[in-house]
Amino acid sequence: MIELRDLRSCCAPLTRAPLSTGNAESLAASLKALADPARLRILSMIAAHADGESCVCDLTGPLDLSQPTVSHHLRVLTEAGFLEREKRGTWAYYRIVDEAIESVAHLLGR
């Protein structure tokens, strides 16, 4: 299966050419990771954060979700390639992978 970051370089936007089966499966898996209101809010909150990164402790209160639930959503977004994770002491900090967001936007664009 093609990595999300590689979709942009290999594939034309779906409005210009039909996607192959493999590329459609990769894009669908990526979109599935995004298709959750809490995950979309997490991406938005991280992108809007002053340093462009956040830890679970920054997200639980505003989302009104428990730490394990927020951690689950962060893991899904990280595994899908939308976030990078950096461990610092006892905390993990998450940053958006701009290329991943741009790849999805490219594939959905005209």
PDB file of N, CA and C in Angstrom:
ATOM      1  N   MET A   1       0.845  -1.182   0.000  1.00  0.00           N
ATOM      2  CA  MET A   1       0.000   0.000   0.000  1.00  0.00           C
ATOM      3  C   MET A   1       0.888   1.243   0.000  1.00  0.00           C
ATOM      4  N   ILE A   2       0.479   2.257  -0.721  1.00  0.00           N
ATOM      5  CA  ILE A   2       1.242   3.492  -0.855  1.00  0.00           C
ATOM      6  C   ILE A   2       1.061   4.341   0.396  1.00  0.00           C
ATOM      7  N   GLU A   3       2.162   4.920   0.873  1.00  0.00           N
ATOM      8  CA  GLU A   3       2.099   5.819   2.013  1.00  0.00           C
ATOM      9  C   GLU A   3       1.381   7.099   1.620  1.00  0.00           C
ATOM     10  N   LEU A   4       0.723   7.714   2.577  1.00  0.00           N
ATOM     11  CA  LEU A   4      -0.027   8.939   2.321  1.00  0.00           C
ATOM     12  C   LEU A   4       0.854  10.007   1.699  1.00  0.00           C
ATOM     13  N   ARG A   5       2.057  10.154   2.192  1.00  0.00           N
ATOM     14  CA  ARG A   5       2.950  11.194   1.671  1.00  0.00           C
ATOM     15  C   ARG A   5       3.310  10.939   0.214  1.00  0.00           C
ATOM     16  N   ASP A   6       3.278   9.672  -0.215  1.00  0.00           N
ATOM     17  CA  ASP A   6       3.651   9.323  -1.584  1.00  0.00           C
ATOM     18  C   ASP A   6       2.495   9.471  -2.570  1.00  0.00           C
ATOM     19  N   LEU A   7       1.270   9.584  -2.067  1.00  0.00           N
ATOM     20  CA  LEU A   7       0.115   9.672  -2.958  1.00  0.00           C
ATOM     21  C   LEU A   7       0.187  10.888  -3.870  1.00  0.00           C
ATOM     22  N   ARG A   8       0.675  11.988  -3.356  1.00  0.00           N
ATOM     23  CA  ARG A   8       0.703  13.216  -4.162  1.00  0.00           C
ATOM     24  C   ARG A   8       1.637  13.065  -5.353  1.00  0.00           C
ATOM     25  N   SER A   9       2.776  12.421  -5.140  1.00  0.00           N
ATOM     26  CA  SER A   9       3.748  12.305  -6.226  1.00  0.00           C
ATOM     27  C   SER A   9       3.350  11.241  -7.247  1.00  0.00           C
ATOM     28  N   CYS A  10       2.519  10.290  -6.854  1.00  0.00           N
ATOM     29  CA  CYS A  10       2.191   9.208  -7.775  1.00  0.00           C
ATOM     30  C   CYS A  10       0.861   9.372  -8.472  1.00  0.00           C
ATOM     31  N   CYS A  11      -0.008  10.191  -7.925  1.00  0.00           N
ATOM     32  CA  CYS A  11      -1.394  10.168  -8.391  1.00  0.00           C
ATOM     33  C   CYS A  11      -1.900  11.552  -8.764  1.00  0.00           C
ATOM     34  N   ALA A  12      -2.647  11.600  -9.839  1.00  0.00           N
ATOM     35  CA  ALA A  12      -3.346  12.835 -10.216  1.00  0.00           C
ATOM     36  C   ALA A  12      -4.566  12.982  -9.324  1.00  0.00           C
ATOM     37  N   PRO A  13      -5.059  14.200  -9.156  1.00  0.00           N
ATOM     38  CA  PRO A  13      -6.301  14.379  -8.394  1.00  0.00           C
ATOM     39  C   PRO A  13      -7.407  13.487  -8.961  1.00  0.00           C
ATOM     40  N   LEU A  14      -8.260  12.995  -8.098  1.00  0.00           N
ATOM     41  CA  LEU A  14      -9.292  12.059  -8.541  1.00  0.00           C
ATOM     42  C   LEU A  14     -10.289  12.691  -9.499  1.00  0.00           C
ATOM     43  N   THR A  15     -10.282  14.005  -9.593  1.00  0.00           N
ATOM     44  CA  THR A  15     -11.152  14.673 -10.570  1.00  0.00           C
ATOM     45  C   THR A  15     -10.516  14.732 -11.960  1.00  0.00           C
ATOM     46  N   ARG A  16      -9.253  14.316 -12.073  1.00  0.00           N
ATOM     47  CA  ARG A  16      -8.564  14.353 -13.371  1.00  0.00           C
ATOM     48  C   ARG A  16      -8.344  12.978 -13.963  1.00  0.00           C
ATOM     49  N   ALA A  17      -8.207  11.973 -13.112  1.00  0.00           N
ATOM     50  CA  ALA A  17      -7.946  10.617 -13.602  1.00  0.00           C
ATOM     51  C   ALA A  17      -8.464   9.623 -12.581  1.00  0.00           C
ATOM     52  N   PRO A  18      -8.924   8.474 -13.040  1.00  0.00           N
ATOM     53  CA  PRO A  18      -9.414   7.459 -12.102  1.00  0.00           C
ATOM     54  C   PRO A  18      -8.283   6.963 -11.201  1.00  0.00           C
ATOM     55  N   LEU A  19      -8.609   6.758  -9.930  1.00  0.00           N
ATOM     56  CA  LEU A  19      -7.634   6.198  -8.988  1.00  0.00           C
ATOM     57  C   LEU A  19      -7.530   4.702  -9.214  1.00  0.00           C
ATOM     58  N   SER A  20      -6.333   4.182  -9.023  1.00  0.00           N
ATOM     59  CA  SER A  20      -6.164   2.727  -9.045  1.00  0.00           C
ATOM     60  C   SER A  20      -6.797   2.158  -7.777  1.00  0.00           C
ATOM     61  N   THR A  21      -6.993   0.878  -7.751  1.00  0.00           N
ATOM     62  CA  THR A  21      -7.577   0.229  -6.573  1.00  0.00           C
ATOM     63  C   THR A  21      -6.724   0.477  -5.341  1.00  0.00           C
ATOM     64  N   GLY A  22      -5.423   0.303  -5.466  1.00  0.00           N
ATOM     65  CA  GLY A  22      -4.522   0.496  -4.320  1.00  0.00           C
ATOM     66  C   GLY A  22      -4.514   1.928  -3.815  1.00  0.00           C
ATOM     67  N   ASN A  23      -4.492   2.876  -4.730  1.00  0.00           N
ATOM     68  CA  ASN A  23      -4.498   4.280  -4.330  1.00  0.00           C
ATOM     69  C   ASN A  23      -5.834   4.670  -3.695  1.00  0.00           C
ATOM     70  N   ALA A  24      -6.926   4.117  -4.212  1.00  0.00           N
ATOM     71  CA  ALA A  24      -8.239   4.387  -3.626  1.00  0.00           C
ATOM     72  C   ALA A  24      -8.312   3.824  -2.207  1.00  0.00           C
ATOM     73  N   GLU A  25      -7.743   2.642  -1.995  1.00  0.00           N
ATOM     74  CA  GLU A  25      -7.736   2.046  -0.658  1.00  0.00           C
ATOM     75  C   GLU A  25      -6.903   2.884   0.307  1.00  0.00           C
ATOM     76  N   SER A  26      -5.754   3.369  -0.137  1.00  0.00           N
ATOM     77  CA  SER A  26      -4.907   4.211   0.709  1.00  0.00           C
ATOM     78  C   SER A  26      -5.604   5.515   1.062  1.00  0.00           C
ATOM     79  N   LEU A  27      -6.221   6.145   0.076  1.00  0.00           N
ATOM     80  CA  LEU A  27      -6.920   7.401   0.323  1.00  0.00           C
ATOM     81  C   LEU A  27      -8.110   7.171   1.249  1.00  0.00           C
ATOM     82  N   ALA A  28      -8.854   6.094   1.046  1.00  0.00           N
ATOM     83  CA  ALA A  28     -10.005   5.802   1.906  1.00  0.00           C
ATOM     84  C   ALA A  28      -9.570   5.584   3.353  1.00  0.00           C
ATOM     85  N   ALA A  29      -8.454   4.887   3.559  1.00  0.00           N
ATOM     86  CA  ALA A  29      -7.951   4.674   4.921  1.00  0.00           C
ATOM     87  C   ALA A  29      -7.565   6.008   5.559  1.00  0.00           C
ATOM     88  N   SER A  30      -6.963   6.886   4.792  1.00  0.00           N
ATOM     89  CA  SER A  30      -6.584   8.201   5.308  1.00  0.00           C
ATOM     90  C   SER A  30      -7.808   9.029   5.651  1.00  0.00           C
ATOM     91  N   LEU A  31      -8.782   9.020   4.766  1.00  0.00           N
ATOM     92  CA  LEU A  31     -10.004   9.783   5.021  1.00  0.00           C
ATOM     93  C   LEU A  31     -10.776   9.216   6.206  1.00  0.00           C
ATOM     94  N   LYS A  32     -10.719   7.911   6.386  1.00  0.00           N
ATOM     95  CA  LYS A  32     -11.379   7.296   7.539  1.00  0.00           C
ATOM     96  C   LYS A  32     -10.770   7.818   8.838  1.00  0.00           C
ATOM     97  N   ALA A  33      -9.454   7.996   8.850  1.00  0.00           N
ATOM     98  CA  ALA A  33      -8.792   8.535  10.045  1.00  0.00           C
ATOM     99  C   ALA A  33      -9.241   9.962  10.323  1.00  0.00           C
ATOM    100  N   LEU A  34      -9.575  10.693   9.290  1.00  0.00           N
ATOM    101  CA  LEU A  34     -10.024  12.080   9.454  1.00  0.00           C
ATOM    102  C   LEU A  34     -11.515  12.188   9.754  1.00  0.00           C
ATOM    103  N   ALA A  35     -12.258  11.148   9.455  1.00  0.00           N
ATOM    104  CA  ALA A  35     -13.727  11.197   9.519  1.00  0.00           C
ATOM    105  C   ALA A  35     -14.259  11.034  10.938  1.00  0.00           C
ATOM    106  N   ASP A  36     -13.761  11.840  11.827  1.00  0.00           N
ATOM    107  CA  ASP A  36     -14.217  11.827  13.213  1.00  0.00           C
ATOM    108  C   ASP A  36     -14.142  13.270  13.711  1.00  0.00           C
ATOM    109  N   PRO A  37     -15.215  13.792  14.281  1.00  0.00           N
ATOM    110  CA  PRO A  37     -15.194  15.189  14.723  1.00  0.00           C
ATOM    111  C   PRO A  37     -14.091  15.497  15.726  1.00  0.00           C
ATOM    112  N   ALA A  38     -13.826  14.583  16.652  1.00  0.00           N
ATOM    113  CA  ALA A  38     -12.770  14.838  17.639  1.00  0.00           C
ATOM    114  C   ALA A  38     -11.406  14.910  16.958  1.00  0.00           C
ATOM    115  N   ARG A  39     -11.164  14.055  15.981  1.00  0.00           N
ATOM    116  CA  ARG A  39      -9.862  14.073  15.290  1.00  0.00           C
ATOM    117  C   ARG A  39      -9.691  15.334  14.464  1.00  0.00           C
ATOM    118  N   LEU A  40     -10.758  15.777  13.830  1.00  0.00           N
ATOM    119  CA  LEU A  40     -10.676  17.039  13.083  1.00  0.00           C
ATOM    120  C   LEU A  40     -10.404  18.203  14.026  1.00  0.00           C
ATOM    121  N   ARG A  41     -11.045  18.187  15.185  1.00  0.00           N
ATOM    122  CA  ARG A  41     -10.794  19.244  16.174  1.00  0.00           C
ATOM    123  C   ARG A  41      -9.365  19.175  16.684  1.00  0.00           C
ATOM    124  N   ILE A  42      -8.851  17.965  16.904  1.00  0.00           N
ATOM    125  CA  ILE A  42      -7.470  17.810  17.361  1.00  0.00           C
ATOM    126  C   ILE A  42      -6.511  18.414  16.349  1.00  0.00           C
ATOM    127  N   LEU A  43      -6.686  18.088  15.070  1.00  0.00           N
ATOM    128  CA  LEU A  43      -5.818  18.664  14.037  1.00  0.00           C
ATOM    129  C   LEU A  43      -5.904  20.184  14.045  1.00  0.00           C
ATOM    130  N   SER A  44      -7.102  20.691  14.145  1.00  0.00           N
ATOM    131  CA  SER A  44      -7.306  22.139  14.165  1.00  0.00           C
ATOM    132  C   SER A  44      -6.634  22.776  15.375  1.00  0.00           C
ATOM    133  N   MET A  45      -6.792  22.165  16.535  1.00  0.00           N
ATOM    134  CA  MET A  45      -6.207  22.721  17.764  1.00  0.00           C
ATOM    135  C   MET A  45      -4.687  22.689  17.723  1.00  0.00           C
ATOM    136  N   ILE A  46      -4.119  21.614  17.208  1.00  0.00           N
ATOM    137  CA  ILE A  46      -2.659  21.535  17.116  1.00  0.00           C
ATOM    138  C   ILE A  46      -2.150  22.580  16.130  1.00  0.00           C
ATOM    139  N   ALA A  47      -2.797  22.699  14.986  1.00  0.00           N
ATOM    140  CA  ALA A  47      -2.375  23.679  13.981  1.00  0.00           C
ATOM    141  C   ALA A  47      -2.469  25.103  14.519  1.00  0.00           C
ATOM    142  N   ALA A  48      -3.468  25.380  15.342  1.00  0.00           N
ATOM    143  CA  ALA A  48      -3.676  26.725  15.872  1.00  0.00           C
ATOM    144  C   ALA A  48      -2.839  27.028  17.103  1.00  0.00           C
ATOM    145  N   HIS A  49      -2.232  26.010  17.697  1.00  0.00           N
ATOM    146  CA  HIS A  49      -1.435  26.211  18.906  1.00  0.00           C
ATOM    147  C   HIS A  49      -0.231  27.093  18.589  1.00  0.00           C
ATOM    148  N   ALA A  50       0.172  27.914  19.527  1.00  0.00           N
ATOM    149  CA  ALA A  50       1.240  28.893  19.321  1.00  0.00           C
ATOM    150  C   ALA A  50       2.499  28.283  18.718  1.00  0.00           C
ATOM    151  N   ASP A  51       2.912  27.127  19.188  1.00  0.00           N
ATOM    152  CA  ASP A  51       4.133  26.489  18.688  1.00  0.00           C
ATOM    153  C   ASP A  51       3.860  25.491  17.575  1.00  0.00           C
ATOM    154  N   GLY A  52       2.585  25.328  17.193  1.00  0.00           N
ATOM    155  CA  GLY A  52       2.238  24.348  16.173  1.00  0.00           C
ATOM    156  C   GLY A  52       2.366  22.924  16.661  1.00  0.00           C
ATOM    157  N   GLU A  53       2.376  22.754  17.976  1.00  0.00           N
ATOM    158  CA  GLU A  53       2.446  21.409  18.547  1.00  0.00           C
ATOM    159  C   GLU A  53       1.713  21.400  19.878  1.00  0.00           C
ATOM    160  N   SER A  54       1.259  20.218  20.267  1.00  0.00           N
ATOM    161  CA  SER A  54       0.510  20.075  21.514  1.00  0.00           C
ATOM    162  C   SER A  54       0.785  18.709  22.119  1.00  0.00           C
ATOM    163  N   CYS A  55       0.547  18.619  23.410  1.00  0.00           N
ATOM    164  CA  CYS A  55       0.568  17.324  24.082  1.00  0.00           C
ATOM    165  C   CYS A  55      -0.852  17.006  24.521  1.00  0.00           C
ATOM    166  N   VAL A  56      -1.057  15.796  24.995  1.00  0.00           N
ATOM    167  CA  VAL A  56      -2.388  15.381  25.439  1.00  0.00           C
ATOM    168  C   VAL A  56      -2.934  16.357  26.470  1.00  0.00           C
ATOM    169  N   CYS A  57      -2.074  16.840  27.345  1.00  0.00           N
ATOM    170  CA  CYS A  57      -2.519  17.744  28.415  1.00  0.00           C
ATOM    171  C   CYS A  57      -3.114  19.037  27.877  1.00  0.00           C
ATOM    172  N   ASP A  58      -2.731  19.457  26.664  1.00  0.00           N
ATOM    173  CA  ASP A  58      -3.285  20.661  26.047  1.00  0.00           C
ATOM    174  C   ASP A  58      -4.662  20.416  25.434  1.00  0.00           C
ATOM    175  N   LEU A  59      -5.003  19.155  25.205  1.00  0.00           N
ATOM    176  CA  LEU A  59      -6.180  18.827  24.410  1.00  0.00           C
ATOM    177  C   LEU A  59      -7.363  18.282  25.207  1.00  0.00           C
ATOM    178  N   THR A  60      -7.099  17.636  26.328  1.00  0.00           N
ATOM    179  CA  THR A  60      -8.188  16.967  27.054  1.00  0.00           C
ATOM    180  C   THR A  60      -9.259  17.949  27.532  1.00  0.00           C
ATOM    181  N   GLY A  61      -8.872  19.053  28.122  1.00  0.00           N
ATOM    182  CA  GLY A  61      -9.842  20.036  28.623  1.00  0.00           C
ATOM    183  C   GLY A  61     -10.707  20.624  27.528  1.00  0.00           C
ATOM    184  N   PRO A  62     -10.103  21.227  26.493  1.00  0.00           N
ATOM    185  CA  PRO A  62     -10.913  21.835  25.437  1.00  0.00           C
ATOM    186  C   PRO A  62     -11.808  20.830  24.698  1.00  0.00           C
ATOM    187  N   LEU A  63     -11.352  19.585  24.599  1.00  0.00           N
ATOM    188  CA  LEU A  63     -12.156  18.574  23.905  1.00  0.00           C
ATOM    189  C   LEU A  63     -13.208  17.946  24.809  1.00  0.00           C
ATOM    190  N   ASP A  64     -13.036  18.137  26.118  1.00  0.00           N
ATOM    191  CA  ASP A  64     -13.912  17.511  27.105  1.00  0.00           C
ATOM    192  C   ASP A  64     -13.942  15.992  26.934  1.00  0.00           C
ATOM    193  N   LEU A  65     -12.741  15.443  26.714  1.00  0.00           N
ATOM    194  CA  LEU A  65     -12.563  13.999  26.575  1.00  0.00           C
ATOM    195  C   LEU A  65     -11.499  13.543  27.559  1.00  0.00           C
ATOM    196  N   SER A  66     -11.543  12.273  27.923  1.00  0.00           N
ATOM    197  CA  SER A  66     -10.547  11.733  28.848  1.00  0.00           C
ATOM    198  C   SER A  66      -9.196  11.607  28.154  1.00  0.00           C
ATOM    199  N   GLN A  67      -8.148  11.542  28.954  1.00  0.00           N
ATOM    200  CA  GLN A  67      -6.794  11.402  28.415  1.00  0.00           C
ATOM    201  C   GLN A  67      -6.660  10.135  27.567  1.00  0.00           C
ATOM    202  N   PRO A  68      -7.178   8.967  27.996  1.00  0.00           N
ATOM    203  CA  PRO A  68      -7.059   7.779  27.139  1.00  0.00           C
ATOM    204  C   PRO A  68      -7.774   7.938  25.791  1.00  0.00           C
ATOM    205  N   THR A  69      -8.906   8.618  25.780  1.00  0.00           N
ATOM    206  CA  THR A  69      -9.633   8.828  24.527  1.00  0.00           C
ATOM    207  C   THR A  69      -8.856   9.749  23.600  1.00  0.00           C
ATOM    208  N   VAL A  70      -8.324  10.836  24.133  1.00  0.00           N
ATOM    209  CA  VAL A  70      -7.519  11.748  23.317  1.00  0.00           C
ATOM    210  C   VAL A  70      -6.272  11.029  22.809  1.00  0.00           C
ATOM    211  N   SER A  71      -5.633  10.239  23.659  1.00  0.00           N
ATOM    212  CA  SER A  71      -4.444   9.474  23.240  1.00  0.00           C
ATOM    213  C   SER A  71      -4.781   8.513  22.105  1.00  0.00           C
ATOM    214  N   HIS A  72      -5.941   7.884  22.183  1.00  0.00           N
ATOM    215  CA  HIS A  72      -6.377   6.984  21.108  1.00  0.00           C
ATOM    216  C   HIS A  72      -6.492   7.755  19.786  1.00  0.00           C
ATOM    217  N   HIS A  73      -7.158   8.895  19.816  1.00  0.00           N
ATOM    218  CA  HIS A  73      -7.316   9.690  18.599  1.00  0.00           C
ATOM    219  C   HIS A  73      -5.961  10.158  18.062  1.00  0.00           C
ATOM    220  N   LEU A  74      -5.067  10.556  18.949  1.00  0.00           N
ATOM    221  CA  LEU A  74      -3.725  10.969  18.526  1.00  0.00           C
ATOM    222  C   LEU A  74      -2.985   9.804  17.872  1.00  0.00           C
ATOM    223  N   ARG A  75      -3.138   8.604  18.418  1.00  0.00           N
ATOM    224  CA  ARG A  75      -2.485   7.429  17.839  1.00  0.00           C
ATOM    225  C   ARG A  75      -3.031   7.151  16.434  1.00  0.00           C
ATOM    226  N   VAL A  76      -4.343   7.222  16.265  1.00  0.00           N
ATOM    227  CA  VAL A  76      -4.945   6.987  14.950  1.00  0.00           C
ATOM    228  C   VAL A  76      -4.404   8.001  13.938  1.00  0.00           C
ATOM    229  N   LEU A  77      -4.355   9.262  14.310  1.00  0.00           N
ATOM    230  CA  LEU A  77      -3.857  10.304  13.402  1.00  0.00           C
ATOM    231  C   LEU A  77      -2.376  10.144  13.110  1.00  0.00           C
ATOM    232  N   THR A  78      -1.614   9.693  14.098  1.00  0.00           N
ATOM    233  CA  THR A  78      -0.183   9.465  13.899  1.00  0.00           C
ATOM    234  C   THR A  78       0.044   8.277  12.965  1.00  0.00           C
ATOM    235  N   GLU A  79      -0.673   7.183  13.206  1.00  0.00           N
ATOM    236  CA  GLU A  79      -0.531   6.000  12.353  1.00  0.00           C
ATOM    237  C   GLU A  79      -0.975   6.271  10.922  1.00  0.00           C
ATOM    238  N   ALA A  80      -1.928   7.179  10.745  1.00  0.00           N
ATOM    239  CA  ALA A  80      -2.388   7.542   9.405  1.00  0.00           C
ATOM    240  C   ALA A  80      -1.433   8.512   8.711  1.00  0.00           C
ATOM    241  N   GLY A  81      -0.459   9.036   9.455  1.00  0.00           N
ATOM    242  CA  GLY A  81       0.537   9.921   8.859  1.00  0.00           C
ATOM    243  C   GLY A  81       0.234  11.398   8.957  1.00  0.00           C
ATOM    244  N   PHE A  82      -0.837  11.773   9.665  1.00  0.00           N
ATOM    245  CA  PHE A  82      -1.203  13.179   9.772  1.00  0.00           C
ATOM    246  C   PHE A  82      -0.468  13.910  10.890  1.00  0.00           C
ATOM    247  N   LEU A  83       0.060  13.173  11.861  1.00  0.00           N
ATOM    248  CA  LEU A  83       0.796  13.773  12.967  1.00  0.00           C
ATOM    249  C   LEU A  83       2.135  13.091  13.138  1.00  0.00           C
ATOM    250  N   GLU A  84       3.100  13.861  13.628  1.00  0.00           N
ATOM    251  CA  GLU A  84       4.388  13.324  14.070  1.00  0.00           C
ATOM    252  C   GLU A  84       4.417  13.413  15.586  1.00  0.00           C
ATOM    253  N   ARG A  85       5.048  12.452  16.211  1.00  0.00           N
ATOM    254  CA  ARG A  85       5.095  12.387  17.672  1.00  0.00           C
ATOM    255  C   ARG A  85       6.540  12.489  18.125  1.00  0.00           C
ATOM    256  N   GLU A  86       6.786  13.339  19.127  1.00  0.00           N
ATOM    257  CA  GLU A  86       8.121  13.474  19.707  1.00  0.00           C
ATOM    258  C   GLU A  86       8.002  13.344  21.221  1.00  0.00           C
ATOM    259  N   LYS A  87       8.715  12.402  21.780  1.00  0.00           N
ATOM    260  CA  LYS A  87       8.691  12.166  23.230  1.00  0.00           C
ATOM    261  C   LYS A  87       9.674  13.116  23.900  1.00  0.00           C
ATOM    262  N   ARG A  88       9.195  13.828  24.922  1.00  0.00           N
ATOM    263  CA  ARG A  88      10.032  14.727  25.719  1.00  0.00           C
ATOM    264  C   ARG A  88       9.732  14.459  27.180  1.00  0.00           C
ATOM    265  N   GLY A  89      10.629  13.780  27.840  1.00  0.00           N
ATOM    266  CA  GLY A  89      10.399  13.419  29.234  1.00  0.00           C
ATOM    267  C   GLY A  89       9.210  12.494  29.339  1.00  0.00           C
ATOM    268  N   THR A  90       8.243  12.861  30.162  1.00  0.00           N
ATOM    269  CA  THR A  90       7.058  12.014  30.326  1.00  0.00           C
ATOM    270  C   THR A  90       5.950  12.361  29.331  1.00  0.00           C
ATOM    271  N   TRP A  91       6.109  13.437  28.584  1.00  0.00           N
ATOM    272  CA  TRP A  91       5.074  13.872  27.655  1.00  0.00           C
ATOM    273  C   TRP A  91       5.470  13.595  26.215  1.00  0.00           C
ATOM    274  N   ALA A  92       4.466  13.367  25.391  1.00  0.00           N
ATOM    275  CA  ALA A  92       4.664  13.255  23.945  1.00  0.00           C
ATOM    276  C   ALA A  92       4.014  14.479  23.312  1.00  0.00           C
ATOM    277  N   TYR A  93       4.708  15.092  22.395  1.00  0.00           N
ATOM    278  CA  TYR A  93       4.203  16.269  21.692  1.00  0.00           C
ATOM    279  C   TYR A  93       3.915  15.895  20.244  1.00  0.00           C
ATOM    280  N   TYR A  94       2.842  16.454  19.729  1.00  0.00           N
ATOM    281  CA  TYR A  94       2.365  16.123  18.385  1.00  0.00           C
ATOM    282  C   TYR A  94       2.379  17.359  17.514  1.00  0.00           C
ATOM    283  N   ARG A  95       2.813  17.154  16.284  1.00  0.00           N
ATOM    284  CA  ARG A  95       2.897  18.228  15.290  1.00  0.00           C
ATOM    285  C   ARG A  95       2.265  17.714  13.993  1.00  0.00           C
ATOM    286  N   ILE A  96       1.590  18.592  13.285  1.00  0.00           N
ATOM    287  CA  ILE A  96       0.947  18.233  12.012  1.00  0.00           C
ATOM    288  C   ILE A  96       2.011  17.968  10.949  1.00  0.00           C
ATOM    289  N   VAL A  97       1.771  16.955  10.136  1.00  0.00           N
ATOM    290  CA  VAL A  97       2.611  16.668   8.977  1.00  0.00           C
ATOM    291  C   VAL A  97       1.952  17.375   7.791  1.00  0.00           C
ATOM    292  N   ASP A  98       2.484  18.543   7.466  1.00  0.00           N
ATOM    293  CA  ASP A  98       1.877  19.373   6.418  1.00  0.00           C
ATOM    294  C   ASP A  98       1.745  18.627   5.096  1.00  0.00           C
ATOM    295  N   GLU A  99       2.742  17.827   4.753  1.00  0.00           N
ATOM    296  CA  GLU A  99       2.720  17.101   3.484  1.00  0.00           C
ATOM    297  C   GLU A  99       1.531  16.147   3.407  1.00  0.00           C
ATOM    298  N   ALA A 100       1.158  15.558   4.529  1.00  0.00           N
ATOM    299  CA  ALA A 100       0.032  14.622   4.544  1.00  0.00           C
ATOM    300  C   ALA A 100      -1.278  15.353   4.272  1.00  0.00           C
ATOM    301  N   ILE A 101      -1.457  16.500   4.905  1.00  0.00           N
ATOM    302  CA  ILE A 101      -2.664  17.290   4.671  1.00  0.00           C
ATOM    303  C   ILE A 101      -2.697  17.767   3.222  1.00  0.00           C
ATOM    304  N   GLU A 102      -1.556  18.220   2.721  1.00  0.00           N
ATOM    305  CA  GLU A 102      -1.477  18.685   1.338  1.00  0.00           C
ATOM    306  C   GLU A 102      -1.752  17.563   0.342  1.00  0.00           C
ATOM    307  N   SER A 103      -1.317  16.345   0.665  1.00  0.00           N
ATOM    308  CA  SER A 103      -1.562  15.196  -0.230  1.00  0.00           C
ATOM    309  C   SER A 103      -3.045  14.923  -0.362  1.00  0.00           C
ATOM    310  N   VAL A 104      -3.763  14.933   0.740  1.00  0.00           N
ATOM    311  CA  VAL A 104      -5.209  14.701   0.685  1.00  0.00           C
ATOM    312  C   VAL A 104      -5.883  15.831  -0.081  1.00  0.00           C
ATOM    313  N   ALA A 105      -5.490  17.063   0.208  1.00  0.00           N
ATOM    314  CA  ALA A 105      -6.073  18.209  -0.483  1.00  0.00           C
ATOM    315  C   ALA A 105      -5.799  18.118  -1.996  1.00  0.00           C
ATOM    316  N   HIS A 106      -4.604  17.713  -2.366  1.00  0.00           N
ATOM    317  CA  HIS A 106      -4.226  17.564  -3.772  1.00  0.00           C
ATOM    318  C   HIS A 106      -5.105  16.520  -4.453  1.00  0.00           C
ATOM    319  N   LEU A 107      -5.278  15.387  -3.809  1.00  0.00           N
ATOM    320  CA  LEU A 107      -6.055  14.308  -4.418  1.00  0.00           C
ATOM    321  C   LEU A 107      -7.538  14.646  -4.551  1.00  0.00           C
ATOM    322  N   LEU A 108      -8.035  15.465  -3.637  1.00  0.00           N
ATOM    323  CA  LEU A 108      -9.441  15.846  -3.691  1.00  0.00           C
ATOM    324  C   LEU A 108      -9.669  17.080  -4.572  1.00  0.00           C
ATOM    325  N   GLY A 109      -8.569  17.745  -4.944  1.00  0.00           N
ATOM    326  CA  GLY A 109      -8.664  18.981  -5.709  1.00  0.00           C
ATOM    327  C   GLY A 109      -8.916  18.767  -7.179  1.00  0.00           C
ATOM    328  N   ARG A 110      -8.947  19.857  -7.857  1.00  0.00           N
ATOM    329  CA  ARG A 110      -9.199  19.828  -9.322  1.00  0.00           C
ATOM    330  C   ARG A 110      -7.933  20.075 -10.064  1.00  0.00           C
TER     331      ARG A 110
END
